[in-house]
Amino acid sequence: MISFGSMIKTIPEKLTNDIIELIQAFPEYRFIWRNSKTPENTPKNAKITAWIPQVDLLSDSRTKIFISHCGNHGAHESIFNGVPVLAMPLMFDQLYIAARIEGKIYIQE
């Protein structure tokens, strides 16, 4: 399971299309994507929802990666739960947080 988190109200069309392509490239995984709109070409292995229980998803052992804009809460929650982050910072402190968490996730086997 792969979780996307996003607090921004409107995701640029290019980024939306890039995310769709990413989901399509990994049909063996299930993606949970927080988004206020469901794109027309959403693959079947993606669940789009306006709200996700982020803490519950990040603490679930089935979650393999968190694709995040690197907000403060999500960064801390992913580090706490040992979930690797694919950082996609968009603005403000997200760039700094993404740089700070690089290489900070230690997965215990």
N, C-alpha and C. Protein backbone atom coordinates (compact mmCIF):
# COMPACT_ATOMS: atom_id res chain seq x y z
N MET A 1 0.86 -1.16 0.00
CA MET A 1 0.00 0.00 0.00
C MET A 1 0.91 1.23 0.00
N ILE A 2 0.54 2.18 -0.81
CA ILE A 2 1.29 3.43 -0.89
C ILE A 2 0.32 4.56 -0.62
N SER A 3 0.73 5.48 0.21
CA SER A 3 -0.14 6.58 0.60
C SER A 3 0.38 7.90 0.06
N PHE A 4 -0.51 8.68 -0.51
CA PHE A 4 -0.23 10.04 -0.94
C PHE A 4 -0.91 10.98 0.04
N GLY A 5 -0.26 12.01 0.46
CA GLY A 5 -0.89 13.02 1.29
C GLY A 5 -0.73 14.37 0.63
N SER A 6 -1.76 15.17 0.64
CA SER A 6 -1.64 16.50 0.06
C SER A 6 -2.62 17.44 0.72
N MET A 7 -2.11 18.58 1.17
CA MET A 7 -2.97 19.58 1.81
C MET A 7 -3.37 20.67 0.84
N ILE A 8 -2.75 20.71 -0.33
CA ILE A 8 -3.08 21.79 -1.25
C ILE A 8 -4.44 21.54 -1.87
N LYS A 9 -5.15 22.60 -2.16
CA LYS A 9 -6.51 22.48 -2.67
C LYS A 9 -6.54 22.05 -4.13
N THR A 10 -5.61 22.53 -4.92
CA THR A 10 -5.59 22.21 -6.33
C THR A 10 -4.21 21.73 -6.72
N ILE A 11 -4.13 20.50 -7.20
CA ILE A 11 -2.86 19.97 -7.66
C ILE A 11 -2.73 20.34 -9.13
N PRO A 12 -1.59 20.88 -9.53
CA PRO A 12 -1.41 21.24 -10.94
C PRO A 12 -1.65 20.02 -11.85
N GLU A 13 -2.21 20.26 -13.02
CA GLU A 13 -2.56 19.18 -13.94
C GLU A 13 -1.37 18.30 -14.29
N LYS A 14 -0.22 18.91 -14.51
CA LYS A 14 0.98 18.14 -14.85
C LYS A 14 1.34 17.19 -13.71
N LEU A 15 1.29 17.66 -12.47
CA LEU A 15 1.60 16.82 -11.33
C LEU A 15 0.56 15.70 -11.19
N THR A 16 -0.69 16.03 -11.39
CA THR A 16 -1.75 15.01 -11.35
C THR A 16 -1.46 13.93 -12.38
N ASN A 17 -1.11 14.32 -13.60
CA ASN A 17 -0.82 13.35 -14.65
C ASN A 17 0.41 12.51 -14.31
N ASP A 18 1.42 13.13 -13.71
CA ASP A 18 2.62 12.40 -13.29
C ASP A 18 2.27 11.36 -12.23
N ILE A 19 1.41 11.73 -11.30
CA ILE A 19 1.00 10.79 -10.25
C ILE A 19 0.21 9.63 -10.85
N ILE A 20 -0.68 9.92 -11.78
CA ILE A 20 -1.45 8.88 -12.47
C ILE A 20 -0.50 7.91 -13.17
N GLU A 21 0.51 8.44 -13.86
CA GLU A 21 1.49 7.58 -14.53
C GLU A 21 2.25 6.71 -13.54
N LEU A 22 2.61 7.28 -12.39
CA LEU A 22 3.29 6.52 -11.36
C LEU A 22 2.42 5.37 -10.88
N ILE A 23 1.16 5.64 -10.62
CA ILE A 23 0.23 4.61 -10.15
C ILE A 23 0.10 3.51 -11.21
N GLN A 24 -0.02 3.90 -12.46
CA GLN A 24 -0.15 2.93 -13.54
C GLN A 24 1.10 2.06 -13.69
N ALA A 25 2.25 2.60 -13.35
CA ALA A 25 3.51 1.87 -13.49
C ALA A 25 3.66 0.76 -12.44
N PHE A 26 2.85 0.81 -11.38
CA PHE A 26 2.95 -0.17 -10.31
C PHE A 26 1.59 -0.80 -10.01
N PRO A 27 1.06 -1.58 -10.96
CA PRO A 27 -0.29 -2.15 -10.77
C PRO A 27 -0.38 -3.16 -9.63
N GLU A 28 0.77 -3.67 -9.16
CA GLU A 28 0.76 -4.65 -8.07
C GLU A 28 0.57 -4.00 -6.70
N TYR A 29 0.63 -2.67 -6.64
CA TYR A 29 0.43 -1.94 -5.38
C TYR A 29 -0.92 -1.24 -5.37
N ARG A 30 -1.44 -1.05 -4.17
CA ARG A 30 -2.63 -0.24 -3.99
C ARG A 30 -2.19 1.13 -3.51
N PHE A 31 -2.75 2.16 -4.08
CA PHE A 31 -2.43 3.54 -3.72
C PHE A 31 -3.64 4.18 -3.05
N ILE A 32 -3.39 4.92 -2.01
CA ILE A 32 -4.43 5.72 -1.37
C ILE A 32 -3.98 7.16 -1.53
N TRP A 33 -4.82 7.96 -2.18
CA TRP A 33 -4.45 9.32 -2.56
C TRP A 33 -5.46 10.29 -1.99
N ARG A 34 -4.98 11.19 -1.16
CA ARG A 34 -5.85 12.24 -0.64
C ARG A 34 -5.92 13.34 -1.67
N ASN A 35 -7.11 13.52 -2.21
CA ASN A 35 -7.33 14.52 -3.25
C ASN A 35 -8.82 14.87 -3.23
N SER A 36 -9.14 16.13 -3.40
CA SER A 36 -10.54 16.55 -3.37
C SER A 36 -11.30 16.17 -4.63
N LYS A 37 -10.58 15.86 -5.71
CA LYS A 37 -11.20 15.47 -6.97
C LYS A 37 -10.63 14.14 -7.43
N THR A 38 -11.47 13.34 -8.08
CA THR A 38 -11.00 12.09 -8.67
C THR A 38 -10.72 12.34 -10.14
N PRO A 39 -9.45 12.23 -10.55
CA PRO A 39 -9.13 12.43 -11.97
C PRO A 39 -9.86 11.39 -12.83
N GLU A 40 -10.23 11.80 -14.04
CA GLU A 40 -10.99 10.93 -14.94
C GLU A 40 -10.28 9.61 -15.23
N ASN A 41 -8.98 9.65 -15.37
CA ASN A 41 -8.21 8.48 -15.77
C ASN A 41 -7.56 7.75 -14.59
N THR A 42 -8.22 7.78 -13.43
CA THR A 42 -7.66 7.15 -12.24
C THR A 42 -7.62 5.63 -12.42
N PRO A 43 -6.45 5.03 -12.22
CA PRO A 43 -6.34 3.57 -12.34
C PRO A 43 -7.13 2.85 -11.25
N LYS A 44 -7.45 1.59 -11.49
CA LYS A 44 -8.25 0.82 -10.55
C LYS A 44 -7.51 0.51 -9.25
N ASN A 45 -6.18 0.58 -9.27
CA ASN A 45 -5.42 0.30 -8.05
C ASN A 45 -5.23 1.53 -7.17
N ALA A 46 -6.01 2.59 -7.44
CA ALA A 46 -5.93 3.82 -6.64
C ALA A 46 -7.28 4.13 -6.02
N LYS A 47 -7.25 4.47 -4.75
CA LYS A 47 -8.45 4.96 -4.06
C LYS A 47 -8.22 6.44 -3.81
N ILE A 48 -9.14 7.25 -4.31
CA ILE A 48 -9.06 8.69 -4.12
C ILE A 48 -10.10 9.06 -3.08
N THR A 49 -9.68 9.85 -2.11
CA THR A 49 -10.59 10.26 -1.05
C THR A 49 -10.21 11.65 -0.56
N ALA A 50 -11.20 12.40 -0.11
CA ALA A 50 -10.96 13.76 0.36
C ALA A 50 -10.30 13.79 1.74
N TRP A 51 -10.36 12.68 2.45
CA TRP A 51 -9.76 12.61 3.79
C TRP A 51 -9.17 11.23 3.99
N ILE A 52 -8.02 11.15 4.63
CA ILE A 52 -7.44 9.85 4.97
C ILE A 52 -7.03 9.87 6.45
N PRO A 53 -7.12 8.72 7.08
CA PRO A 53 -6.63 8.61 8.47
C PRO A 53 -5.11 8.42 8.42
N GLN A 54 -4.40 9.51 8.24
CA GLN A 54 -2.96 9.46 7.96
C GLN A 54 -2.17 8.72 9.03
N VAL A 55 -2.46 8.96 10.29
CA VAL A 55 -1.74 8.28 11.37
C VAL A 55 -1.96 6.77 11.27
N ASP A 56 -3.20 6.37 11.03
CA ASP A 56 -3.50 4.94 10.91
C ASP A 56 -2.79 4.32 9.70
N LEU A 57 -2.79 5.01 8.58
CA LEU A 57 -2.12 4.48 7.38
C LEU A 57 -0.62 4.36 7.59
N LEU A 58 -0.02 5.37 8.18
CA LEU A 58 1.43 5.34 8.35
C LEU A 58 1.87 4.35 9.42
N SER A 59 0.98 3.96 10.32
CA SER A 59 1.33 2.96 11.32
C SER A 59 0.97 1.55 10.87
N ASP A 60 0.35 1.41 9.71
CA ASP A 60 -0.02 0.10 9.17
C ASP A 60 1.19 -0.53 8.48
N SER A 61 1.51 -1.75 8.84
CA SER A 61 2.70 -2.42 8.28
C SER A 61 2.61 -2.64 6.77
N ARG A 62 1.43 -2.55 6.19
CA ARG A 62 1.28 -2.70 4.75
C ARG A 62 1.71 -1.46 3.97
N THR A 63 1.84 -0.33 4.65
CA THR A 63 2.26 0.90 3.98
C THR A 63 3.75 0.83 3.71
N LYS A 64 4.12 0.90 2.43
CA LYS A 64 5.51 0.74 2.01
C LYS A 64 6.23 2.06 1.80
N ILE A 65 5.48 3.11 1.44
CA ILE A 65 6.09 4.41 1.17
C ILE A 65 5.02 5.49 1.31
N PHE A 66 5.45 6.67 1.70
CA PHE A 66 4.55 7.82 1.83
C PHE A 66 5.04 8.88 0.86
N ILE A 67 4.24 9.17 -0.14
CA ILE A 67 4.57 10.21 -1.09
C ILE A 67 3.94 11.49 -0.56
N SER A 68 4.79 12.43 -0.18
CA SER A 68 4.32 13.55 0.62
C SER A 68 4.87 14.89 0.16
N HIS A 69 4.09 15.93 0.40
CA HIS A 69 4.56 17.29 0.17
C HIS A 69 5.47 17.76 1.31
N CYS A 70 5.63 16.92 2.31
CA CYS A 70 6.55 17.16 3.45
C CYS A 70 6.06 18.24 4.39
N GLY A 71 4.80 18.16 4.74
CA GLY A 71 4.30 18.99 5.82
C GLY A 71 4.88 18.47 7.12
N ASN A 72 4.89 19.28 8.13
CA ASN A 72 5.52 18.93 9.40
C ASN A 72 4.93 17.68 10.03
N HIS A 73 3.61 17.59 10.10
CA HIS A 73 2.98 16.44 10.75
C HIS A 73 3.28 15.14 10.01
N GLY A 74 3.08 15.14 8.71
CA GLY A 74 3.33 13.93 7.92
C GLY A 74 4.77 13.48 8.00
N ALA A 75 5.70 14.42 8.00
CA ALA A 75 7.12 14.08 8.11
C ALA A 75 7.40 13.39 9.44
N HIS A 76 6.90 13.97 10.53
CA HIS A 76 7.13 13.36 11.84
C HIS A 76 6.45 12.00 11.95
N GLU A 77 5.23 11.90 11.44
CA GLU A 77 4.50 10.63 11.53
C GLU A 77 5.18 9.53 10.72
N SER A 78 5.72 9.87 9.56
CA SER A 78 6.40 8.85 8.75
C SER A 78 7.71 8.42 9.41
N ILE A 79 8.47 9.36 9.94
CA ILE A 79 9.72 9.02 10.63
C ILE A 79 9.41 8.14 11.85
N PHE A 80 8.43 8.53 12.63
CA PHE A 80 8.06 7.78 13.84
C PHE A 80 7.71 6.34 13.50
N ASN A 81 7.01 6.14 12.37
CA ASN A 81 6.56 4.80 11.98
C ASN A 81 7.53 4.07 11.06
N GLY A 82 8.65 4.70 10.72
CA GLY A 82 9.64 4.05 9.88
C GLY A 82 9.20 3.86 8.44
N VAL A 83 8.35 4.75 7.96
CA VAL A 83 7.86 4.66 6.58
C VAL A 83 8.70 5.60 5.71
N PRO A 84 9.36 5.06 4.69
CA PRO A 84 10.15 5.91 3.79
C PRO A 84 9.26 6.96 3.11
N VAL A 85 9.85 8.11 2.83
CA VAL A 85 9.12 9.22 2.21
C VAL A 85 9.70 9.51 0.83
N LEU A 86 8.82 9.61 -0.14
CA LEU A 86 9.18 10.17 -1.43
C LEU A 86 8.72 11.62 -1.36
N ALA A 87 9.68 12.52 -1.23
CA ALA A 87 9.36 13.93 -0.97
C ALA A 87 9.03 14.67 -2.26
N MET A 88 7.92 15.39 -2.21
CA MET A 88 7.49 16.25 -3.30
C MET A 88 7.12 17.61 -2.73
N PRO A 89 8.10 18.31 -2.14
CA PRO A 89 7.78 19.61 -1.53
C PRO A 89 7.35 20.61 -2.58
N LEU A 90 6.41 21.46 -2.20
CA LEU A 90 5.84 22.42 -3.14
C LEU A 90 6.13 23.87 -2.77
N MET A 91 6.25 24.16 -1.46
CA MET A 91 6.41 25.55 -1.07
C MET A 91 6.86 25.67 0.38
N PHE A 92 7.25 26.88 0.74
CA PHE A 92 7.55 27.30 2.10
C PHE A 92 8.47 26.33 2.83
N ASP A 93 8.07 25.93 4.05
CA ASP A 93 8.93 25.09 4.87
C ASP A 93 9.03 23.64 4.38
N GLN A 94 8.21 23.26 3.42
CA GLN A 94 8.24 21.89 2.90
C GLN A 94 9.61 21.56 2.29
N LEU A 95 10.23 22.53 1.65
CA LEU A 95 11.55 22.32 1.05
C LEU A 95 12.58 22.04 2.14
N TYR A 96 12.53 22.79 3.20
CA TYR A 96 13.45 22.61 4.33
C TYR A 96 13.21 21.26 5.00
N ILE A 97 11.94 20.93 5.25
CA ILE A 97 11.61 19.66 5.91
C ILE A 97 12.06 18.48 5.06
N ALA A 98 11.83 18.56 3.75
CA ALA A 98 12.27 17.47 2.86
C ALA A 98 13.77 17.27 2.93
N ALA A 99 14.52 18.36 2.96
CA ALA A 99 15.98 18.26 3.06
C ALA A 99 16.39 17.68 4.41
N ARG A 100 15.68 18.03 5.46
CA ARG A 100 16.03 17.55 6.81
C ARG A 100 15.74 16.07 7.00
N ILE A 101 14.70 15.54 6.36
CA ILE A 101 14.36 14.13 6.58
C ILE A 101 15.11 13.20 5.62
N GLU A 102 15.81 13.74 4.68
CA GLU A 102 16.54 12.89 3.74
C GLU A 102 17.50 11.98 4.52
N GLY A 103 17.35 10.68 4.31
CA GLY A 103 18.22 9.71 4.96
C GLY A 103 17.94 9.48 6.43
N LYS A 104 16.83 9.97 6.96
CA LYS A 104 16.55 9.86 8.40
C LYS A 104 15.63 8.69 8.77
N ILE A 105 15.16 7.95 7.78
CA ILE A 105 14.23 6.85 8.07
C ILE A 105 15.05 5.57 8.25
N TYR A 106 14.85 4.91 9.37
CA TYR A 106 15.54 3.66 9.64
C TYR A 106 14.47 2.58 9.84
N ILE A 107 14.42 1.65 8.93
CA ILE A 107 13.42 0.59 9.00
C ILE A 107 14.01 -0.57 9.78
N GLN A 108 13.30 -1.00 10.80
CA GLN A 108 13.74 -2.13 11.59
C GLN A 108 13.11 -3.39 11.00
N GLU A 109 13.93 -4.34 10.69
CA GLU A 109 13.46 -5.61 10.11
C GLU A 109 12.98 -6.52 11.20
